[in-house]
Amino acid sequence: MIIIIRKCNLVINSLFAILSLSLCSCKHESKFDLNKDIYHFSERMENGDTIKIKTDLSACMFFAFEIYTFTKQNDTLFLEKYSEAASHDKRSQTLPKIIYKVKAGDSLSFENYLKFLNKEDKPYEKGDFPLVTVTYKKQSRKFYDDGLQDKFMKHDNLFTVRENIYPRDTFFKQEAPPPPPIIKNKKS
């Protein structure tokens, strides 16, 4: 009788352990869809979601990009920024994670910037060199420019958004060059 009780306890404990493990291993599947939610991502992301926005800042002989990583944890949206530039020498910077507090409807939000890019999108037929790429898991959305003037106009809008979020970031700012020397005319 004692042996039967021990075997029953062993079976019950084993079933309890298996059931506990199976409940813990169930993962919540996010309902976030980049294609539907891109212009409201800060409001629609779920805990555990991560979106990356890669911006190509290159022009002529200047090569640079930034990656903005948005991560939702404990019902809070965090943002981390990585910048890299390589023209004469390679420089990079990673800014620490901050809480992203800009509302989707704010004119200086990333969502509003992405709406602007969508309105002004100029798909390039000769290659795949997007100005901005937004990725979430296996989904991506790319936005293009139509030459340097269009690229710089779109960069200016991005820089306004960036400066609102990171007002002290000086990675791409350069000091003004010194004024040219004054040359006195020599009279002959």
N, C-alpha and C. Protein backbone atom coordinates (compact mmCIF):
# COMPACT_ATOMS: atom_id res chain seq x y z
N MET A 1 0.82 -1.18 0.00
CA MET A 1 0.00 0.00 0.00
C MET A 1 0.87 1.26 0.00
N ILE A 2 1.92 1.26 0.81
CA ILE A 2 2.83 2.40 0.88
C ILE A 2 3.51 2.59 -0.47
N ILE A 3 3.85 1.52 -1.14
CA ILE A 3 4.50 1.59 -2.45
C ILE A 3 3.55 2.22 -3.46
N ILE A 4 2.28 1.86 -3.42
CA ILE A 4 1.28 2.40 -4.35
C ILE A 4 1.11 3.90 -4.10
N ILE A 5 1.08 4.32 -2.85
CA ILE A 5 0.93 5.74 -2.50
C ILE A 5 2.15 6.51 -2.98
N ARG A 6 3.34 5.95 -2.79
CA ARG A 6 4.56 6.62 -3.25
C ARG A 6 4.57 6.77 -4.77
N LYS A 7 4.12 5.72 -5.48
CA LYS A 7 4.07 5.78 -6.93
C LYS A 7 3.05 6.83 -7.39
N CYS A 8 1.92 6.90 -6.71
CA CYS A 8 0.90 7.90 -7.04
C CYS A 8 1.44 9.31 -6.81
N ASN A 9 2.13 9.52 -5.67
CA ASN A 9 2.74 10.82 -5.38
C ASN A 9 3.78 11.18 -6.44
N LEU A 10 4.56 10.21 -6.85
CA LEU A 10 5.57 10.43 -7.88
C LEU A 10 4.93 10.83 -9.20
N VAL A 11 3.86 10.13 -9.57
CA VAL A 11 3.13 10.44 -10.81
C VAL A 11 2.51 11.84 -10.72
N ILE A 12 1.87 12.14 -9.60
CA ILE A 12 1.23 13.45 -9.42
C ILE A 12 2.28 14.56 -9.46
N ASN A 13 3.41 14.38 -8.78
CA ASN A 13 4.47 15.38 -8.79
C ASN A 13 5.05 15.56 -10.19
N SER A 14 5.20 14.46 -10.92
CA SER A 14 5.71 14.54 -12.29
C SER A 14 4.73 15.29 -13.19
N LEU A 15 3.46 14.98 -13.08
CA LEU A 15 2.45 15.69 -13.87
C LEU A 15 2.41 17.17 -13.53
N PHE A 16 2.51 17.48 -12.23
CA PHE A 16 2.52 18.87 -11.80
C PHE A 16 3.74 19.61 -12.38
N ALA A 17 4.89 18.98 -12.38
CA ALA A 17 6.11 19.58 -12.92
C ALA A 17 5.98 19.81 -14.43
N ILE A 18 5.45 18.84 -15.15
CA ILE A 18 5.26 18.97 -16.60
C ILE A 18 4.26 20.08 -16.91
N LEU A 19 3.17 20.13 -16.17
CA LEU A 19 2.16 21.15 -16.38
C LEU A 19 2.73 22.54 -16.09
N SER A 20 3.50 22.66 -15.02
CA SER A 20 4.11 23.95 -14.66
C SER A 20 5.06 24.41 -15.75
N LEU A 21 5.90 23.51 -16.25
CA LEU A 21 6.84 23.87 -17.32
C LEU A 21 6.12 24.27 -18.59
N SER A 22 5.06 23.56 -18.92
CA SER A 22 4.35 23.89 -20.15
C SER A 22 3.66 25.24 -20.04
N LEU A 23 3.15 25.60 -18.87
CA LEU A 23 2.53 26.90 -18.68
C LEU A 23 3.56 28.02 -18.75
N CYS A 24 4.73 27.80 -18.20
CA CYS A 24 5.79 28.81 -18.19
C CYS A 24 6.39 29.01 -19.58
N SER A 25 6.40 27.96 -20.37
CA SER A 25 7.05 28.07 -21.68
C SER A 25 6.13 28.64 -22.74
N CYS A 26 4.86 28.87 -22.42
CA CYS A 26 3.95 29.48 -23.40
C CYS A 26 4.37 30.93 -23.61
N LYS A 27 4.60 31.30 -24.86
CA LYS A 27 5.00 32.67 -25.16
C LYS A 27 3.82 33.43 -25.72
N HIS A 28 3.72 34.66 -25.29
CA HIS A 28 2.68 35.54 -25.81
C HIS A 28 3.09 35.97 -27.21
N GLU A 29 2.21 35.80 -28.15
CA GLU A 29 2.48 36.20 -29.53
C GLU A 29 1.92 37.60 -29.73
N SER A 30 2.78 38.54 -30.08
CA SER A 30 2.36 39.92 -30.26
C SER A 30 1.43 40.06 -31.46
N LYS A 31 0.48 40.97 -31.33
CA LYS A 31 -0.45 41.26 -32.42
C LYS A 31 0.03 42.45 -33.25
N PHE A 32 1.19 42.98 -32.92
CA PHE A 32 1.71 44.14 -33.65
C PHE A 32 2.04 43.74 -35.09
N ASP A 33 1.60 44.57 -36.02
CA ASP A 33 1.84 44.34 -37.45
C ASP A 33 2.43 45.64 -38.00
N LEU A 34 3.67 45.58 -38.45
CA LEU A 34 4.36 46.79 -38.92
C LEU A 34 3.59 47.48 -40.03
N ASN A 35 3.06 46.73 -40.96
CA ASN A 35 2.35 47.33 -42.10
C ASN A 35 1.11 48.11 -41.67
N LYS A 36 0.40 47.62 -40.67
CA LYS A 36 -0.81 48.30 -40.19
C LYS A 36 -0.51 49.35 -39.12
N ASP A 37 0.50 49.09 -38.29
CA ASP A 37 0.71 49.90 -37.09
C ASP A 37 1.89 50.87 -37.17
N ILE A 38 2.55 50.98 -38.31
CA ILE A 38 3.79 51.74 -38.41
C ILE A 38 3.62 53.21 -37.99
N TYR A 39 2.47 53.81 -38.31
CA TYR A 39 2.29 55.23 -38.03
C TYR A 39 1.73 55.49 -36.63
N HIS A 40 1.60 54.42 -35.85
CA HIS A 40 1.15 54.51 -34.45
C HIS A 40 1.92 53.50 -33.60
N PHE A 41 3.16 53.21 -33.99
CA PHE A 41 3.89 52.12 -33.34
C PHE A 41 4.07 52.35 -31.85
N SER A 42 4.28 53.58 -31.40
CA SER A 42 4.52 53.81 -29.97
C SER A 42 3.31 53.45 -29.13
N GLU A 43 2.13 53.53 -29.72
CA GLU A 43 0.90 53.20 -28.99
C GLU A 43 0.52 51.72 -29.14
N ARG A 44 0.93 51.10 -30.23
CA ARG A 44 0.46 49.74 -30.53
C ARG A 44 1.47 48.64 -30.26
N MET A 45 2.70 49.00 -29.99
CA MET A 45 3.69 47.96 -29.65
C MET A 45 3.29 47.29 -28.35
N GLU A 46 3.62 46.01 -28.24
CA GLU A 46 3.34 45.25 -27.03
C GLU A 46 4.64 44.92 -26.31
N ASN A 47 4.55 44.55 -25.04
CA ASN A 47 5.74 44.19 -24.28
C ASN A 47 6.54 43.13 -25.03
N GLY A 48 7.83 43.36 -25.15
CA GLY A 48 8.71 42.43 -25.85
C GLY A 48 8.95 42.79 -27.30
N ASP A 49 8.15 43.72 -27.87
CA ASP A 49 8.33 44.13 -29.26
C ASP A 49 9.53 45.06 -29.41
N THR A 50 10.23 44.94 -30.54
CA THR A 50 11.35 45.82 -30.87
C THR A 50 11.25 46.24 -32.33
N ILE A 51 11.36 47.53 -32.56
CA ILE A 51 11.36 48.10 -33.91
C ILE A 51 12.69 48.82 -34.08
N LYS A 52 13.28 48.67 -35.27
CA LYS A 52 14.52 49.40 -35.59
C LYS A 52 14.25 50.31 -36.77
N ILE A 53 14.70 51.55 -36.65
CA ILE A 53 14.61 52.51 -37.74
C ILE A 53 16.03 52.88 -38.12
N LYS A 54 16.44 52.47 -39.31
CA LYS A 54 17.80 52.77 -39.79
C LYS A 54 17.71 53.91 -40.79
N THR A 55 18.48 54.95 -40.55
CA THR A 55 18.49 56.12 -41.42
C THR A 55 19.86 56.22 -42.10
N ASP A 56 19.85 56.35 -43.41
CA ASP A 56 21.08 56.51 -44.19
C ASP A 56 21.34 57.99 -44.34
N LEU A 57 22.40 58.47 -43.72
CA LEU A 57 22.74 59.89 -43.77
C LEU A 57 23.87 60.18 -44.75
N SER A 58 24.24 59.21 -45.56
CA SER A 58 25.35 59.34 -46.50
C SER A 58 25.01 60.31 -47.63
N ALA A 59 26.04 61.01 -48.08
CA ALA A 59 25.91 61.90 -49.24
C ALA A 59 27.32 62.13 -49.80
N CYS A 60 27.44 62.00 -51.10
CA CYS A 60 28.71 62.20 -51.79
C CYS A 60 29.79 61.31 -51.16
N MET A 61 30.82 61.89 -50.58
CA MET A 61 31.92 61.11 -49.99
C MET A 61 31.78 60.96 -48.47
N PHE A 62 30.64 61.33 -47.93
CA PHE A 62 30.38 61.22 -46.50
C PHE A 62 29.47 60.01 -46.27
N PHE A 63 29.92 59.06 -45.46
CA PHE A 63 29.16 57.85 -45.18
C PHE A 63 28.74 57.86 -43.71
N ALA A 64 27.44 57.78 -43.48
CA ALA A 64 26.95 57.79 -42.10
C ALA A 64 25.56 57.18 -42.03
N PHE A 65 25.24 56.67 -40.85
CA PHE A 65 23.89 56.15 -40.60
C PHE A 65 23.60 56.21 -39.11
N GLU A 66 22.31 56.11 -38.80
CA GLU A 66 21.87 56.01 -37.42
C GLU A 66 20.86 54.88 -37.34
N ILE A 67 20.83 54.22 -36.19
CA ILE A 67 19.84 53.20 -35.93
C ILE A 67 19.13 53.56 -34.62
N TYR A 68 17.83 53.73 -34.73
CA TYR A 68 16.99 54.01 -33.57
C TYR A 68 16.28 52.71 -33.21
N THR A 69 16.51 52.21 -32.00
CA THR A 69 15.91 50.96 -31.56
C THR A 69 14.86 51.25 -30.49
N PHE A 70 13.61 50.95 -30.83
CA PHE A 70 12.48 51.14 -29.91
C PHE A 70 12.12 49.78 -29.33
N THR A 71 12.08 49.67 -28.00
CA THR A 71 11.75 48.41 -27.33
C THR A 71 10.69 48.68 -26.26
N LYS A 72 9.67 47.86 -26.27
CA LYS A 72 8.60 47.98 -25.26
C LYS A 72 8.86 46.96 -24.17
N GLN A 73 9.01 47.45 -22.92
CA GLN A 73 9.23 46.60 -21.76
C GLN A 73 8.40 47.13 -20.60
N ASN A 74 7.71 46.26 -19.93
CA ASN A 74 6.89 46.65 -18.77
C ASN A 74 5.99 47.84 -19.08
N ASP A 75 5.34 47.80 -20.23
CA ASP A 75 4.42 48.85 -20.67
C ASP A 75 5.07 50.21 -20.85
N THR A 76 6.37 50.24 -21.02
CA THR A 76 7.12 51.48 -21.25
C THR A 76 7.91 51.32 -22.54
N LEU A 77 7.90 52.37 -23.38
CA LEU A 77 8.64 52.33 -24.63
C LEU A 77 9.99 53.00 -24.43
N PHE A 78 11.05 52.27 -24.74
CA PHE A 78 12.42 52.78 -24.61
C PHE A 78 13.01 53.00 -25.99
N LEU A 79 13.95 53.93 -26.05
CA LEU A 79 14.65 54.24 -27.30
C LEU A 79 16.15 54.28 -27.04
N GLU A 80 16.89 53.62 -27.94
CA GLU A 80 18.36 53.66 -27.89
C GLU A 80 18.82 54.05 -29.29
N LYS A 81 19.86 54.91 -29.35
CA LYS A 81 20.33 55.41 -30.64
C LYS A 81 21.81 55.08 -30.86
N TYR A 82 22.09 54.53 -32.04
CA TYR A 82 23.47 54.25 -32.45
C TYR A 82 23.76 55.08 -33.69
N SER A 83 24.90 55.77 -33.69
CA SER A 83 25.31 56.59 -34.82
C SER A 83 26.69 56.15 -35.28
N GLU A 84 26.90 56.20 -36.59
CA GLU A 84 28.22 55.88 -37.14
C GLU A 84 28.49 56.77 -38.34
N ALA A 85 29.72 57.27 -38.41
CA ALA A 85 30.15 58.10 -39.54
C ALA A 85 31.54 57.65 -39.95
N ALA A 86 31.77 57.64 -41.25
CA ALA A 86 33.09 57.22 -41.76
C ALA A 86 33.38 57.96 -43.05
N SER A 87 34.07 59.06 -42.92
CA SER A 87 34.54 59.73 -44.13
C SER A 87 36.06 59.71 -44.10
N HIS A 88 36.67 60.38 -43.14
CA HIS A 88 38.13 60.32 -42.99
C HIS A 88 38.51 59.22 -42.00
N ASP A 89 37.80 59.16 -40.93
CA ASP A 89 38.02 58.12 -39.92
C ASP A 89 36.66 57.66 -39.41
N LYS A 90 36.60 56.44 -38.95
CA LYS A 90 35.34 55.88 -38.48
C LYS A 90 35.10 56.29 -37.03
N ARG A 91 33.92 56.84 -36.80
CA ARG A 91 33.50 57.21 -35.46
C ARG A 91 32.13 56.60 -35.21
N SER A 92 31.88 56.24 -33.96
CA SER A 92 30.55 55.73 -33.62
C SER A 92 30.18 56.16 -32.21
N GLN A 93 28.90 56.10 -31.96
CA GLN A 93 28.38 56.51 -30.65
C GLN A 93 27.09 55.74 -30.37
N THR A 94 26.95 55.24 -29.16
CA THR A 94 25.69 54.65 -28.72
C THR A 94 25.21 55.47 -27.53
N LEU A 95 24.03 56.04 -27.67
CA LEU A 95 23.46 56.78 -26.55
C LEU A 95 22.66 55.82 -25.69
N PRO A 96 22.66 56.03 -24.39
CA PRO A 96 21.95 55.11 -23.49
C PRO A 96 20.45 55.11 -23.75
N LYS A 97 19.81 54.03 -23.33
CA LYS A 97 18.38 53.86 -23.47
C LYS A 97 17.65 54.95 -22.68
N ILE A 98 16.67 55.56 -23.32
CA ILE A 98 15.83 56.55 -22.65
C ILE A 98 14.36 56.15 -22.84
N ILE A 99 13.50 56.73 -22.04
CA ILE A 99 12.06 56.50 -22.22
C ILE A 99 11.60 57.41 -23.36
N TYR A 100 10.92 56.82 -24.34
CA TYR A 100 10.39 57.59 -25.47
C TYR A 100 9.03 58.13 -25.05
N LYS A 101 8.95 59.45 -24.87
CA LYS A 101 7.75 60.08 -24.33
C LYS A 101 6.94 60.83 -25.38
N VAL A 102 7.42 60.90 -26.62
CA VAL A 102 6.74 61.68 -27.66
C VAL A 102 5.50 60.93 -28.12
N LYS A 103 4.36 61.59 -28.10
CA LYS A 103 3.09 60.98 -28.51
C LYS A 103 3.05 60.86 -30.04
N ALA A 104 2.37 59.83 -30.53
CA ALA A 104 2.31 59.56 -31.97
C ALA A 104 1.78 60.75 -32.77
N GLY A 105 0.85 61.51 -32.21
CA GLY A 105 0.26 62.65 -32.91
C GLY A 105 1.10 63.91 -32.87
N ASP A 106 2.15 63.91 -32.08
CA ASP A 106 3.03 65.08 -31.97
C ASP A 106 3.74 65.32 -33.30
N SER A 107 3.85 66.57 -33.71
CA SER A 107 4.51 66.88 -34.99
C SER A 107 5.99 66.48 -34.98
N LEU A 108 6.59 66.31 -33.80
CA LEU A 108 8.00 65.93 -33.71
C LEU A 108 8.18 64.46 -33.32
N SER A 109 7.19 63.63 -33.61
CA SER A 109 7.30 62.20 -33.31
C SER A 109 7.89 61.45 -34.50
N PHE A 110 8.44 60.28 -34.23
CA PHE A 110 8.94 59.44 -35.32
C PHE A 110 7.77 58.99 -36.21
N GLU A 111 6.61 58.74 -35.61
CA GLU A 111 5.45 58.34 -36.41
C GLU A 111 5.09 59.42 -37.43
N ASN A 112 5.12 60.67 -36.99
CA ASN A 112 4.82 61.78 -37.89
C ASN A 112 5.89 61.89 -38.98
N TYR A 113 7.15 61.67 -38.62
CA TYR A 113 8.22 61.68 -39.62
C TYR A 113 8.00 60.57 -40.65
N LEU A 114 7.59 59.39 -40.19
CA LEU A 114 7.34 58.28 -41.12
C LEU A 114 6.14 58.58 -42.02
N LYS A 115 5.12 59.27 -41.50
CA LYS A 115 4.00 59.69 -42.34
C LYS A 115 4.48 60.65 -43.43
N PHE A 116 5.34 61.58 -43.04
CA PHE A 116 5.92 62.52 -44.01
C PHE A 116 6.69 61.76 -45.08
N LEU A 117 7.51 60.79 -44.67
CA LEU A 117 8.27 60.01 -45.65
C LEU A 117 7.35 59.24 -46.59
N ASN A 118 6.27 58.70 -46.06
CA ASN A 118 5.32 57.96 -46.89
C ASN A 118 4.70 58.88 -47.95
N LYS A 119 4.35 60.08 -47.53
CA LYS A 119 3.75 61.06 -48.46
C LYS A 119 4.75 61.48 -49.53
N GLU A 120 6.02 61.60 -49.16
CA GLU A 120 7.06 62.07 -50.07
C GLU A 120 7.92 60.96 -50.65
N ASP A 121 7.49 59.71 -50.51
CA ASP A 121 8.31 58.56 -50.92
C ASP A 121 8.56 58.59 -52.43
N LYS A 122 9.83 58.32 -52.79
CA LYS A 122 10.24 58.29 -54.20
C LYS A 122 11.01 57.01 -54.46
N PRO A 123 10.32 55.89 -54.70
CA PRO A 123 11.04 54.64 -54.95
C PRO A 123 12.05 54.78 -56.09
N TYR A 124 13.21 54.27 -55.84
CA TYR A 124 14.33 54.38 -56.78
C TYR A 124 14.40 53.12 -57.61
N GLU A 125 14.40 53.26 -58.92
CA GLU A 125 14.36 52.09 -59.79
C GLU A 125 15.72 51.44 -60.05
N LYS A 126 16.81 52.15 -59.83
CA LYS A 126 18.13 51.64 -60.21
C LYS A 126 18.85 50.88 -59.10
N GLY A 127 18.22 50.66 -58.00
CA GLY A 127 18.87 49.93 -56.91
C GLY A 127 18.04 50.00 -55.65
N ASP A 128 18.51 49.33 -54.65
CA ASP A 128 17.78 49.30 -53.38
C ASP A 128 18.62 50.01 -52.32
N PHE A 129 18.57 51.34 -52.34
CA PHE A 129 19.32 52.14 -51.38
C PHE A 129 18.35 53.06 -50.65
N PRO A 130 17.60 52.50 -49.70
CA PRO A 130 16.59 53.31 -49.02
C PRO A 130 17.21 54.36 -48.11
N LEU A 131 16.50 55.45 -47.97
CA LEU A 131 16.89 56.51 -47.05
C LEU A 131 16.61 56.08 -45.61
N VAL A 132 15.45 55.43 -45.40
CA VAL A 132 15.03 54.96 -44.09
C VAL A 132 14.44 53.56 -44.24
N THR A 133 14.86 52.66 -43.35
CA THR A 133 14.30 51.31 -43.31
C THR A 133 13.78 51.04 -41.91
N VAL A 134 12.53 50.64 -41.81
CA VAL A 134 11.92 50.30 -40.53
C VAL A 134 11.72 48.79 -40.51
N THR A 135 12.23 48.12 -39.46
CA THR A 135 12.09 46.66 -39.39
C THR A 135 11.46 46.25 -38.06
N TYR A 136 10.66 45.20 -38.17
CA TYR A 136 10.06 44.55 -37.01
C TYR A 136 10.00 43.07 -37.36
N LYS A 137 10.74 42.27 -36.61
CA LYS A 137 10.86 40.84 -36.89
C LYS A 137 11.20 40.65 -38.36
N LYS A 138 10.35 39.98 -39.14
CA LYS A 138 10.65 39.74 -40.56
C LYS A 138 9.97 40.74 -41.48
N GLN A 139 9.29 41.72 -40.91
CA GLN A 139 8.63 42.75 -41.71
C GLN A 139 9.54 43.95 -41.86
N SER A 140 9.46 44.62 -43.01
CA SER A 140 10.21 45.87 -43.18
C SER A 140 9.45 46.80 -44.10
N ARG A 141 9.71 48.09 -43.91
CA ARG A 141 9.14 49.13 -44.77
C ARG A 141 10.29 50.06 -45.11
N LYS A 142 10.45 50.36 -46.40
CA LYS A 142 11.55 51.20 -46.86
C LYS A 142 10.99 52.48 -47.48
N PHE A 143 11.73 53.57 -47.23
CA PHE A 143 11.38 54.87 -47.78
C PHE A 143 12.59 55.39 -48.56
N TYR A 144 12.34 56.02 -49.71
CA TYR A 144 13.41 56.42 -50.61
C TYR A 144 13.41 57.93 -50.84
N ASP A 145 14.51 58.40 -51.43
CA ASP A 145 14.63 59.79 -51.82
C ASP A 145 14.82 59.85 -53.33
N ASP A 146 14.78 61.07 -53.87
CA ASP A 146 14.93 61.28 -55.30
C ASP A 146 16.06 62.29 -55.54
N GLY A 147 17.27 61.94 -55.13
CA GLY A 147 18.40 62.83 -55.33
C GLY A 147 18.77 63.61 -54.08
N LEU A 148 19.86 64.35 -54.19
CA LEU A 148 20.41 65.05 -53.02
C LEU A 148 19.47 66.08 -52.41
N GLN A 149 18.81 66.87 -53.22
CA GLN A 149 17.92 67.90 -52.67
C GLN A 149 16.80 67.26 -51.86
N ASP A 150 16.19 66.21 -52.40
CA ASP A 150 15.12 65.49 -51.69
C ASP A 150 15.67 64.83 -50.43
N LYS A 151 16.85 64.24 -50.53
CA LYS A 151 17.48 63.58 -49.38
C LYS A 151 17.73 64.58 -48.26
N PHE A 152 18.31 65.74 -48.60
CA PHE A 152 18.63 66.73 -47.57
C PHE A 152 17.37 67.31 -46.93
N MET A 153 16.29 67.48 -47.71
CA MET A 153 15.03 67.96 -47.15
C MET A 153 14.50 66.95 -46.14
N LYS A 154 14.58 65.67 -46.48
CA LYS A 154 14.11 64.61 -45.58
C LYS A 154 15.02 64.48 -44.36
N HIS A 155 16.32 64.70 -44.54
CA HIS A 155 17.25 64.69 -43.40
C HIS A 155 16.93 65.84 -42.45
N ASP A 156 16.64 67.02 -43.00
CA ASP A 156 16.31 68.17 -42.15
C ASP A 156 15.12 67.85 -41.24
N ASN A 157 14.11 67.19 -41.79
CA ASN A 157 12.96 66.80 -40.97
C ASN A 157 13.36 65.81 -39.89
N LEU A 158 14.21 64.84 -40.24
CA LEU A 158 14.69 63.86 -39.26
C LEU A 158 15.49 64.56 -38.16
N PHE A 159 16.34 65.51 -38.53
CA PHE A 159 17.18 66.19 -37.55
C PHE A 159 16.33 66.98 -36.55
N THR A 160 15.20 67.51 -37.01
CA THR A 160 14.30 68.22 -36.10
C THR A 160 13.69 67.25 -35.09
N VAL A 161 13.29 66.07 -35.56
CA VAL A 161 12.75 65.03 -34.67
C VAL A 161 13.83 64.58 -33.69
N ARG A 162 15.02 64.32 -34.22
CA ARG A 162 16.13 63.85 -33.37
C ARG A 162 16.49 64.88 -32.31
N GLU A 163 16.56 66.15 -32.70
CA GLU A 163 16.93 67.19 -31.74
C GLU A 163 15.88 67.34 -30.64
N ASN A 164 14.63 67.09 -30.96
CA ASN A 164 13.57 67.13 -29.95
C ASN A 164 13.77 66.03 -28.91
N ILE A 165 14.24 64.86 -29.35
CA ILE A 165 14.41 63.72 -28.45
C ILE A 165 15.77 63.75 -27.76
N TYR A 166 16.79 64.10 -28.51
CA TYR A 166 18.17 64.15 -27.99
C TYR A 166 18.74 65.56 -28.17
N PRO A 167 18.31 66.53 -27.37
CA PRO A 167 18.76 67.92 -27.57
C PRO A 167 20.26 68.13 -27.33
N ARG A 168 20.90 67.25 -26.60
CA ARG A 168 22.33 67.44 -26.29
C ARG A 168 23.26 66.57 -27.15
N ASP A 169 22.69 65.85 -28.11
CA ASP A 169 23.50 64.99 -28.97
C ASP A 169 24.26 65.85 -29.97
N THR A 170 25.58 65.79 -29.91
CA THR A 170 26.41 66.61 -30.80
C THR A 170 27.24 65.76 -31.76
N PHE A 171 26.90 64.49 -31.91
CA PHE A 171 27.71 63.59 -32.72
C PHE A 171 27.94 64.11 -34.15
N PHE A 172 26.90 64.61 -34.80
CA PHE A 172 27.04 65.08 -36.18
C PHE A 172 27.24 66.59 -36.28
N LYS A 173 27.25 67.27 -35.17
CA LYS A 173 27.43 68.72 -35.22
C LYS A 173 28.91 69.04 -35.29
N GLN A 174 29.23 69.99 -36.15
CA GLN A 174 30.61 70.44 -36.29
C GLN A 174 30.69 71.91 -35.91
N GLU A 175 31.81 72.25 -35.35
CA GLU A 175 32.00 73.66 -35.03
C GLU A 175 32.21 74.41 -36.33
N ALA A 176 31.79 75.66 -36.32
CA ALA A 176 31.97 76.49 -37.51
C ALA A 176 33.46 76.69 -37.76
N PRO A 177 33.85 76.67 -39.01
CA PRO A 177 35.28 76.90 -39.31
C PRO A 177 35.65 78.33 -38.97
N PRO A 178 36.91 78.56 -38.72
CA PRO A 178 37.33 79.93 -38.40
C PRO A 178 37.14 80.82 -39.64
N PRO A 179 36.96 82.11 -39.42
CA PRO A 179 36.79 83.00 -40.57
C PRO A 179 38.09 83.04 -41.39
N PRO A 180 37.98 83.33 -42.66
CA PRO A 180 39.18 83.39 -43.48
C PRO A 180 40.06 84.57 -43.05
N PRO A 181 41.35 84.45 -43.27
CA PRO A 181 42.24 85.55 -42.87
C PRO A 181 41.96 86.80 -43.71
N ILE A 182 42.17 87.92 -43.09
CA ILE A 182 41.95 89.19 -43.79
C ILE A 182 43.23 89.50 -44.57
N ILE A 183 43.06 89.70 -45.84
CA ILE A 183 44.20 89.99 -46.69
C ILE A 183 44.15 91.49 -47.04
N LYS A 184 45.22 92.15 -46.68
CA LYS A 184 45.29 93.60 -46.95
C LYS A 184 45.82 93.79 -48.35
N ASN A 185 45.19 94.70 -49.05
CA ASN A 185 45.64 95.01 -50.41
C ASN A 185 46.95 95.77 -50.36
N LYS A 186 47.90 95.35 -51.15
CA LYS A 186 49.17 96.07 -51.28
C LYS A 186 49.04 97.04 -52.45
N LYS A 187 49.33 98.24 -52.18
CA LYS A 187 49.26 99.25 -53.25
C LYS A 187 50.56 99.26 -54.02
N SER A 188 50.46 99.30 -55.33
CA SER A 188 51.65 99.27 -56.17
C SER A 188 52.20 100.63 -56.39
